[in-house]
Amino acid sequence: MIYVFKTSVETKSQVEKLKPHINTVLPTEKWSFDLEDCDKILRIDSDENIVLRITALLTIHKFHCEELE
């Protein structure tokens, strides 16, 4: 399943800082940011429900993150 999140991540350097943390929480999932999109989209391909884990992770790192439906 593809999960799509609106985030406040704005730069590639912010993505690079988050990368090891996301990979730790979601070690086998494929994920990517679309910083060109006005909603700074984070897409995650996962068989598990990862909504709470990823929103908590980004919140800890002072970013807004909400799932889009």
Protein backbone atom coordinates (compact mmCIF):
# COMPACT_ATOMS: atom_id res chain seq x y z
CA MET A 1 0.00 0.00 0.00
CA ILE A 2 1.19 3.52 -0.77
CA TYR A 3 0.89 5.99 2.09
CA VAL A 4 0.99 9.70 1.26
CA PHE A 5 1.79 12.40 3.82
CA LYS A 6 1.78 16.18 3.72
CA THR A 7 4.90 17.41 5.53
CA SER A 8 6.78 20.57 6.42
CA VAL A 9 10.11 19.18 5.19
CA GLU A 10 11.41 21.74 2.70
CA THR A 11 15.02 21.04 1.77
CA LYS A 12 17.22 18.20 0.63
CA SER A 13 19.43 18.75 3.66
CA GLN A 14 16.43 18.17 5.94
CA VAL A 15 15.67 14.96 4.05
CA GLU A 16 19.29 13.85 4.49
CA LYS A 17 19.07 14.49 8.25
CA LEU A 18 15.84 12.47 8.45
CA LYS A 19 17.04 9.64 6.20
CA PRO A 20 18.84 7.52 8.84
CA HIS A 21 15.93 7.90 11.26
CA ILE A 22 13.33 6.92 8.66
CA ASN A 23 15.47 3.97 7.57
CA THR A 24 15.72 2.81 11.20
CA VAL A 25 11.96 2.97 11.76
CA LEU A 26 11.10 1.63 8.28
CA PRO A 27 14.08 -0.55 7.32
CA THR A 28 12.49 -2.42 4.40
CA GLU A 29 10.03 0.15 3.05
CA LYS A 30 10.61 2.28 -0.02
CA TRP A 31 10.04 5.96 0.60
CA SER A 32 10.63 9.33 -1.08
CA PHE A 33 9.95 13.02 -0.65
CA ASP A 34 8.56 15.23 -3.39
CA LEU A 35 9.84 18.66 -2.36
CA GLU A 36 8.57 20.22 -5.59
CA ASP A 37 4.97 19.56 -4.54
CA CYS A 38 3.34 22.37 -2.55
CA ASP A 39 2.52 19.84 0.22
CA LYS A 40 6.12 18.53 0.42
CA ILE A 41 4.83 14.99 -0.06
CA LEU A 42 6.32 11.94 1.61
CA ARG A 43 5.34 8.66 -0.07
CA ILE A 44 5.93 5.32 1.60
CA ASP A 45 5.31 1.89 0.10
CA SER A 46 4.58 -0.49 2.97
CA ASP A 47 2.58 -3.63 3.65
CA GLU A 48 2.16 -2.51 7.27
CA ASN A 49 0.25 0.45 8.65
CA ILE A 50 3.06 2.91 9.34
CA VAL A 51 1.00 6.07 9.88
CA LEU A 52 1.57 6.43 13.62
CA ARG A 53 5.26 5.54 13.42
CA ILE A 54 6.09 8.04 10.68
CA THR A 55 3.99 10.90 12.07
CA ALA A 56 5.57 10.41 15.51
CA LEU A 57 9.06 10.30 13.99
CA LEU A 58 8.64 13.54 12.06
CA THR A 59 7.00 15.24 15.04
CA ILE A 60 9.97 14.30 17.24
CA HIS A 61 12.21 15.99 14.68
CA LYS A 62 10.02 19.12 14.70
CA PHE A 63 8.28 18.59 11.37
CA HIS A 64 4.58 18.60 10.63
CA CYS A 65 3.31 15.37 9.08
CA GLU A 66 -0.24 14.30 8.28
CA GLU A 67 -1.61 11.51 6.17
CA LEU A 68 -3.50 12.52 3.03
CA GLU A 69 -6.48 10.45 2.06
